[in-house]
Amino acid sequence: MRVLVACEYSGRVRDAFLARGCDAISCDLLETEAPGPHYQGDVRDVIGWGWDLMICHPPCTHLSVSGARWFKDKITEQAEALDFVRMLLDAPIAKIALENPISIISSRIRKPDQVIQPWQFGHGETKATCLWLKGLPKLMPTNIVSGREARIHKMPPGPNRWKERSRTFEGIAQAMAEQWT
């Protein structure tokens, strides 16, 4: 199975699929944090390379409702972000999962197919994560654990806060690889 993990610099989802024997590559404007197959550049450069599955993590900066107080100041950026999401969802790939936090994608494009939490996949934390699915089943929880800490939400301000908040939890990456291959 050929898997494109779009807008991922961490390599977590890519590596979970590689471990399952898939031909997987991550793609991001940033270089990857973890050694492995990675295209550093625009996903539009590689989206038509004949993938069986694409998992997308489009930037949520202009989409997430946690930034709603700034929406009035970024109308153009928000429109561009929504166009990017539409392009990803409309890609000529049979199986697509688009991941984002609670965002305006729900009201401007369509409601998510599923909302998952890290605590359903072995991490005692909360971080509502929406999945918009095409040709894929909903993820089934793999390891429900106690603990409901909002660690991601409580991160202090800093230059790398956005990067820390954007990493996919390893348990979720593993579930994607196990259930979607």
Protein backbone atom coordinates (compact mmCIF):
# COMPACT_ATOMS: atom_id res chain seq x y z
CA MET A 1 0.00 0.00 0.00
CA ARG A 2 1.32 3.43 -0.97
CA VAL A 3 0.65 6.00 1.77
CA LEU A 4 1.15 9.76 1.67
CA VAL A 5 1.11 11.54 5.03
CA ALA A 6 0.54 15.17 4.10
CA CYS A 7 1.57 18.10 6.29
CA GLU A 8 3.52 15.96 8.74
CA TYR A 9 7.02 16.90 9.85
CA SER A 10 7.22 14.58 12.90
CA GLY A 11 7.19 11.32 10.95
CA ARG A 12 5.00 9.60 13.55
CA VAL A 13 2.17 8.58 11.24
CA ARG A 14 4.58 7.79 8.39
CA ASP A 15 6.67 5.57 10.66
CA ALA A 16 3.61 3.68 11.93
CA PHE A 17 2.71 2.78 8.34
CA LEU A 18 6.32 1.91 7.47
CA ALA A 19 6.35 -0.49 10.44
CA ARG A 20 3.32 -2.24 8.90
CA GLY A 21 5.21 -2.78 5.64
CA CYS A 22 3.65 0.07 3.67
CA ASP A 23 5.44 2.27 1.17
CA ALA A 24 4.88 5.47 3.14
CA ILE A 25 6.25 8.99 2.83
CA SER A 26 5.64 12.14 4.82
CA CYS A 27 5.43 15.53 3.18
CA ASP A 28 5.73 18.95 4.75
CA LEU A 29 7.20 22.38 4.11
CA LEU A 30 9.43 21.66 7.13
CA GLU A 31 12.13 19.03 7.17
CA THR A 32 11.26 15.87 9.05
CA GLU A 33 12.20 15.40 12.70
CA ALA A 34 12.72 11.67 12.26
CA PRO A 35 14.86 10.08 9.56
CA GLY A 36 12.78 8.38 6.91
CA PRO A 37 11.12 8.93 3.55
CA HIS A 38 10.12 12.59 3.44
CA TYR A 39 9.36 15.11 0.72
CA GLN A 40 10.15 18.61 1.92
CA GLY A 41 7.90 20.86 -0.11
CA ASP A 42 4.31 21.50 -1.11
CA VAL A 43 1.99 18.48 -1.01
CA ARG A 44 0.54 19.63 -4.35
CA ASP A 45 3.85 18.55 -5.91
CA VAL A 46 3.32 14.89 -4.94
CA ILE A 47 -0.44 14.45 -4.50
CA GLY A 48 -0.87 12.90 -7.95
CA TRP A 49 1.78 10.19 -7.61
CA GLY A 50 -0.69 7.29 -7.39
CA TRP A 51 -1.30 6.93 -3.66
CA ASP A 52 -3.69 4.35 -2.17
CA LEU A 53 -4.17 6.31 1.05
CA MET A 54 -3.53 9.87 2.15
CA ILE A 55 -3.63 11.06 5.74
CA CYS A 56 -3.62 14.87 5.91
CA HIS A 57 -2.84 17.18 8.78
CA PRO A 58 -3.47 20.63 7.27
CA PRO A 59 -2.30 23.56 9.40
CA CYS A 60 -5.03 24.60 11.81
CA THR A 61 -3.74 28.14 12.46
CA HIS A 62 -6.57 29.80 10.52
CA LEU A 63 -9.16 27.04 11.02
CA SER A 64 -9.27 26.01 14.68
CA VAL A 65 -12.04 27.49 16.79
CA SER A 66 -9.53 28.02 19.58
CA GLY A 67 -8.45 31.07 17.55
CA ALA A 68 -11.98 32.31 16.86
CA ARG A 69 -11.33 35.70 18.45
CA TRP A 70 -8.92 36.47 15.55
CA PHE A 71 -11.17 35.24 12.71
CA LYS A 72 -12.30 38.78 11.83
CA ASP A 73 -8.67 39.74 11.18
CA LYS A 74 -7.78 36.84 8.89
CA ILE A 75 -10.61 36.43 6.40
CA THR A 76 -8.26 35.96 3.42
CA GLU A 77 -6.01 33.49 5.26
CA GLN A 78 -9.04 31.53 6.42
CA ALA A 79 -10.48 31.34 2.89
CA GLU A 80 -7.11 30.08 1.59
CA ALA A 81 -6.90 27.49 4.38
CA LEU A 82 -10.40 26.22 3.55
CA ASP A 83 -9.50 26.01 -0.16
CA PHE A 84 -6.44 23.93 0.81
CA VAL A 85 -8.64 21.58 2.86
CA ARG A 86 -11.07 21.21 -0.06
CA MET A 87 -8.17 20.42 -2.39
CA LEU A 88 -6.94 17.70 -0.02
CA LEU A 89 -10.41 16.17 0.42
CA ASP A 90 -10.99 16.22 -3.34
CA ALA A 91 -7.64 14.62 -4.21
CA PRO A 92 -7.79 11.70 -6.66
CA ILE A 93 -7.01 9.17 -3.92
CA ALA A 94 -9.46 6.41 -2.96
CA LYS A 95 -8.85 6.58 0.79
CA ILE A 96 -8.38 9.87 2.62
CA ALA A 97 -8.34 10.86 6.28
CA LEU A 98 -8.11 14.55 7.10
CA GLU A 99 -7.30 15.38 10.73
CA ASN A 100 -7.84 18.71 12.46
CA PRO A 101 -9.00 19.99 15.85
CA ILE A 102 -12.51 21.38 16.31
CA SER A 103 -12.58 23.90 13.49
CA ILE A 104 -14.60 25.82 10.94
CA ILE A 105 -14.19 22.93 8.51
CA SER A 106 -17.29 21.53 10.27
CA SER A 107 -19.45 24.53 9.40
CA ARG A 108 -17.89 25.65 6.11
CA ILE A 109 -17.24 22.30 4.36
CA ARG A 110 -18.89 19.45 6.28
CA LYS A 111 -19.14 17.90 9.70
CA PRO A 112 -16.41 15.40 10.63
CA ASP A 113 -17.11 11.69 10.38
CA GLN A 114 -15.57 11.09 13.79
CA VAL A 115 -14.13 12.89 16.82
CA ILE A 116 -11.44 10.98 18.72
CA GLN A 117 -9.50 11.60 21.93
CA PRO A 118 -5.93 10.54 22.86
CA TRP A 119 -7.26 8.69 25.96
CA GLN A 120 -8.98 6.24 23.59
CA PHE A 121 -5.55 5.23 22.24
CA GLY A 122 -3.36 4.88 25.33
CA HIS A 123 -2.63 8.52 26.26
CA GLY A 124 -4.24 9.95 29.42
CA GLU A 125 -4.93 13.29 27.81
CA THR A 126 -7.72 15.22 26.16
CA LYS A 127 -7.44 16.79 22.73
CA ALA A 128 -10.56 16.50 20.60
CA THR A 129 -9.41 15.54 17.13
CA CYS A 130 -11.80 15.49 14.19
CA LEU A 131 -11.46 13.07 11.29
CA TRP A 132 -13.02 13.62 7.89
CA LEU A 133 -12.95 10.25 6.13
CA LYS A 134 -13.26 9.09 2.52
CA GLY A 135 -13.27 5.35 1.81
CA LEU A 136 -12.11 4.53 5.35
CA PRO A 137 -13.86 3.15 8.44
CA LYS A 138 -13.97 5.09 11.68
CA LEU A 139 -11.08 4.37 14.04
CA MET A 140 -11.92 1.97 16.83
CA PRO A 141 -10.40 2.77 20.25
CA THR A 142 -7.43 0.53 21.00
CA ASN A 143 -6.49 1.30 24.60
CA ILE A 144 -8.89 3.35 26.70
CA VAL A 145 -6.99 4.73 29.69
CA SER A 146 -7.87 6.82 32.69
CA GLY A 147 -6.66 10.36 33.04
CA ARG A 148 -8.08 13.33 31.25
CA GLU A 149 -5.33 15.93 31.43
CA ALA A 150 -5.50 18.82 28.95
CA ARG A 151 -1.70 18.96 28.65
CA ILE A 152 -1.69 20.18 25.05
CA HIS A 153 -4.18 22.96 25.81
CA LYS A 154 -2.18 24.10 28.85
CA MET A 155 1.20 24.36 27.12
CA PRO A 156 2.89 27.67 27.93
CA PRO A 157 3.52 30.18 25.15
CA GLY A 158 6.80 29.77 23.32
CA PRO A 159 8.38 29.66 19.89
CA ASN A 160 7.78 25.90 19.42
CA ARG A 161 4.34 25.64 21.02
CA TRP A 162 2.63 25.21 17.64
CA LYS A 163 4.98 22.34 16.73
CA GLU A 164 4.46 20.57 20.04
CA ARG A 165 0.68 20.90 19.73
CA SER A 166 0.62 19.56 16.17
CA ARG A 167 2.30 16.18 16.76
CA THR A 168 0.05 13.16 16.34
CA PHE A 169 -0.12 10.96 19.44
CA GLU A 170 1.72 7.69 18.79
CA GLY A 171 -1.26 5.58 19.87
CA ILE A 172 -3.45 7.29 17.27
CA ALA A 173 -0.78 6.84 14.58
CA GLN A 174 -0.54 3.13 15.45
CA ALA A 175 -4.32 2.73 15.29
CA MET A 176 -4.43 4.38 11.88
CA ALA A 177 -1.76 2.05 10.55
CA GLU A 178 -3.29 -1.08 12.08
CA GLN A 179 -6.87 -0.37 11.09
CA TRP A 180 -6.42 1.25 7.68
CA THR A 181 -3.96 -1.20 6.07
